[in-house]
Amino acid sequence: MKNFFFVLLFMLFVAGCAKTETNYKQDITGNWVLYKYVLRNADQTILFESHFPGYAIAFSGTGQFIETDTTGYANGGTYHFSSNYQKISLDDTMHVFIDTVLVDSIFERQYSIFNLTSVSLQLRNDSSELYLEKKP
């Protein structure tokens, strides 16, 4: 009986700690700035910042995002979680030429989320890792 009680208590604890989509959206909503960039296991923050100075990304609670930097670059689209909230996909429209005709093309980037709190976001794909902190 004692073991049953501890197992039940443990299951309730785990269930209470499970994050929901609402929790993830609440945590990710806001403005994030890059403080570290790792490419192929080497810190390449300086290189990234030379290409995208002042890089920031803002996520809304309604599934929208916009990336900006201090050069005037801006790119936006939608995001969604997948794989039981272990991955995030950023979907945006790129304008590309096909046989001299400008067409819209949907571009999806997928990242594994290896840390998401209300103040810290760390994303990883096949070759890079982005470390972001939330702006107040």
Protein backbone atom coordinates (compact mmCIF):
# COMPACT_ATOMS: atom_id res chain seq x y z
CA MET A 1 0.00 0.00 0.00
CA LYS A 2 2.85 2.32 0.84
CA ASN A 3 4.46 1.74 -2.57
CA PHE A 4 1.17 2.39 -4.33
CA PHE A 5 0.84 5.72 -2.52
CA PHE A 6 4.37 6.80 -3.55
CA VAL A 7 3.82 5.75 -7.16
CA LEU A 8 0.55 7.68 -7.25
CA LEU A 9 2.19 10.73 -5.70
CA PHE A 10 5.05 10.54 -8.22
CA MET A 11 2.61 10.28 -11.16
CA LEU A 12 0.68 13.31 -9.94
CA PHE A 13 3.93 15.25 -9.61
CA VAL A 14 5.03 14.35 -13.16
CA ALA A 15 1.61 15.21 -14.57
CA GLY A 16 1.67 18.55 -12.78
CA CYS A 17 5.09 19.39 -14.23
CA ALA A 18 4.20 18.59 -17.83
CA LYS A 19 4.21 21.66 -20.03
CA THR A 20 1.28 22.31 -22.33
CA GLU A 21 1.13 24.27 -25.57
CA THR A 22 -0.13 27.24 -23.56
CA ASN A 23 2.96 27.07 -21.32
CA TYR A 24 5.29 26.91 -24.32
CA LYS A 25 3.57 29.81 -26.07
CA GLN A 26 3.65 31.87 -22.87
CA ASP A 27 7.37 31.17 -22.43
CA ILE A 28 8.31 31.89 -26.04
CA THR A 29 6.16 35.00 -26.47
CA GLY A 30 8.31 38.14 -26.45
CA ASN A 31 11.45 39.66 -27.92
CA TRP A 32 14.63 37.58 -27.93
CA VAL A 33 18.22 38.64 -28.66
CA LEU A 34 21.09 36.38 -29.64
CA TYR A 35 23.99 36.19 -27.20
CA LYS A 36 25.79 33.11 -28.57
CA TYR A 37 25.94 31.23 -31.88
CA VAL A 38 27.63 27.85 -32.30
CA LEU A 39 28.34 26.44 -35.76
CA ARG A 40 29.64 22.87 -36.08
CA ASN A 41 30.55 22.79 -32.37
CA ALA A 42 32.62 25.99 -32.53
CA ASP A 43 31.60 29.37 -31.13
CA GLN A 44 30.93 31.58 -34.17
CA THR A 45 29.10 34.41 -32.41
CA ILE A 46 31.39 37.10 -33.86
CA LEU A 47 30.91 35.77 -37.40
CA PHE A 48 27.12 35.61 -36.98
CA GLU A 49 27.00 39.14 -35.55
CA SER A 50 29.08 40.45 -38.46
CA HIS A 51 26.42 39.15 -40.89
CA PHE A 52 23.36 39.93 -38.73
CA PRO A 53 24.32 42.70 -36.27
CA GLY A 54 21.82 43.11 -33.46
CA TYR A 55 19.89 40.00 -34.50
CA ALA A 56 16.58 39.62 -32.66
CA ILE A 57 13.48 37.51 -33.07
CA ALA A 58 10.05 38.25 -31.66
CA PHE A 59 7.41 35.58 -31.13
CA SER A 60 3.73 36.37 -30.61
CA GLY A 61 1.27 34.25 -28.68
CA THR A 62 -0.73 33.80 -31.89
CA GLY A 63 1.95 31.86 -33.78
CA GLN A 64 3.67 34.72 -35.61
CA PHE A 65 7.37 35.63 -35.58
CA ILE A 66 9.56 38.38 -36.99
CA GLU A 67 13.35 38.42 -37.25
CA THR A 68 15.24 41.72 -37.43
CA ASP A 69 18.73 43.14 -37.19
CA THR A 70 20.20 46.63 -37.06
CA THR A 71 20.86 46.76 -40.84
CA GLY A 72 17.12 47.00 -41.56
CA TYR A 73 16.69 43.30 -42.33
CA ALA A 74 13.24 41.99 -41.43
CA ASN A 75 11.70 38.60 -42.07
CA GLY A 76 8.46 37.26 -40.67
CA GLY A 77 6.21 34.27 -40.77
CA THR A 78 4.51 31.71 -38.59
CA TYR A 79 5.80 29.18 -36.10
CA HIS A 80 4.44 25.97 -34.63
CA PHE A 81 5.59 23.29 -32.23
CA SER A 82 5.93 19.63 -33.16
CA SER A 83 7.26 16.34 -31.76
CA ASN A 84 5.54 16.85 -28.41
CA TYR A 85 6.88 20.42 -28.15
CA GLN A 86 10.48 19.29 -28.61
CA LYS A 87 10.79 21.05 -31.98
CA ILE A 88 9.79 24.41 -33.38
CA SER A 89 9.28 25.16 -37.07
CA LEU A 90 9.62 28.65 -38.50
CA ASP A 91 7.70 29.03 -41.76
CA ASP A 92 8.22 32.10 -43.89
CA THR A 93 7.66 33.14 -47.48
CA MET A 94 10.66 33.86 -49.66
CA HIS A 95 10.44 35.57 -53.02
CA VAL A 96 12.43 33.64 -55.62
CA PHE A 97 12.82 33.87 -59.37
CA ILE A 98 11.80 30.85 -61.42
CA ASP A 99 12.40 31.35 -65.14
CA THR A 100 12.46 35.14 -64.65
CA VAL A 101 9.12 35.11 -62.80
CA LEU A 102 9.04 36.21 -59.17
CA VAL A 103 7.10 33.65 -57.11
CA ASP A 104 6.48 33.10 -53.43
CA SER A 105 8.04 30.02 -51.92
CA ILE A 106 7.37 28.72 -48.41
CA PHE A 107 10.58 28.08 -46.53
CA GLU A 108 10.57 26.04 -43.31
CA ARG A 109 13.37 25.93 -40.76
CA GLN A 110 13.11 23.39 -37.98
CA TYR A 111 14.97 23.52 -34.68
CA SER A 112 15.11 21.22 -31.68
CA ILE A 113 14.32 23.07 -28.48
CA PHE A 114 16.90 22.12 -25.89
CA ASN A 115 15.99 24.84 -23.42
CA LEU A 116 12.94 27.09 -23.15
CA THR A 117 12.13 29.11 -20.07
CA SER A 118 10.54 32.50 -19.67
CA VAL A 119 14.00 34.14 -20.03
CA SER A 120 16.17 31.67 -22.00
CA LEU A 121 15.75 29.98 -25.39
CA GLN A 122 18.24 27.58 -26.95
CA LEU A 123 17.61 26.13 -30.39
CA ARG A 124 19.60 23.52 -32.32
CA ASN A 125 19.51 22.21 -35.88
CA ASP A 126 21.89 19.90 -37.76
CA SER A 127 24.82 22.30 -37.76
CA SER A 128 24.11 25.25 -35.48
CA GLU A 129 22.89 26.29 -32.06
CA LEU A 130 21.29 29.63 -31.21
CA TYR A 131 21.37 30.92 -27.63
CA LEU A 132 18.85 33.69 -27.00
CA GLU A 133 17.78 35.71 -24.00
CA LYS A 134 14.52 37.58 -23.58
CA LYS A 135 14.66 41.36 -23.67
CA PRO A 136 12.85 43.00 -20.76
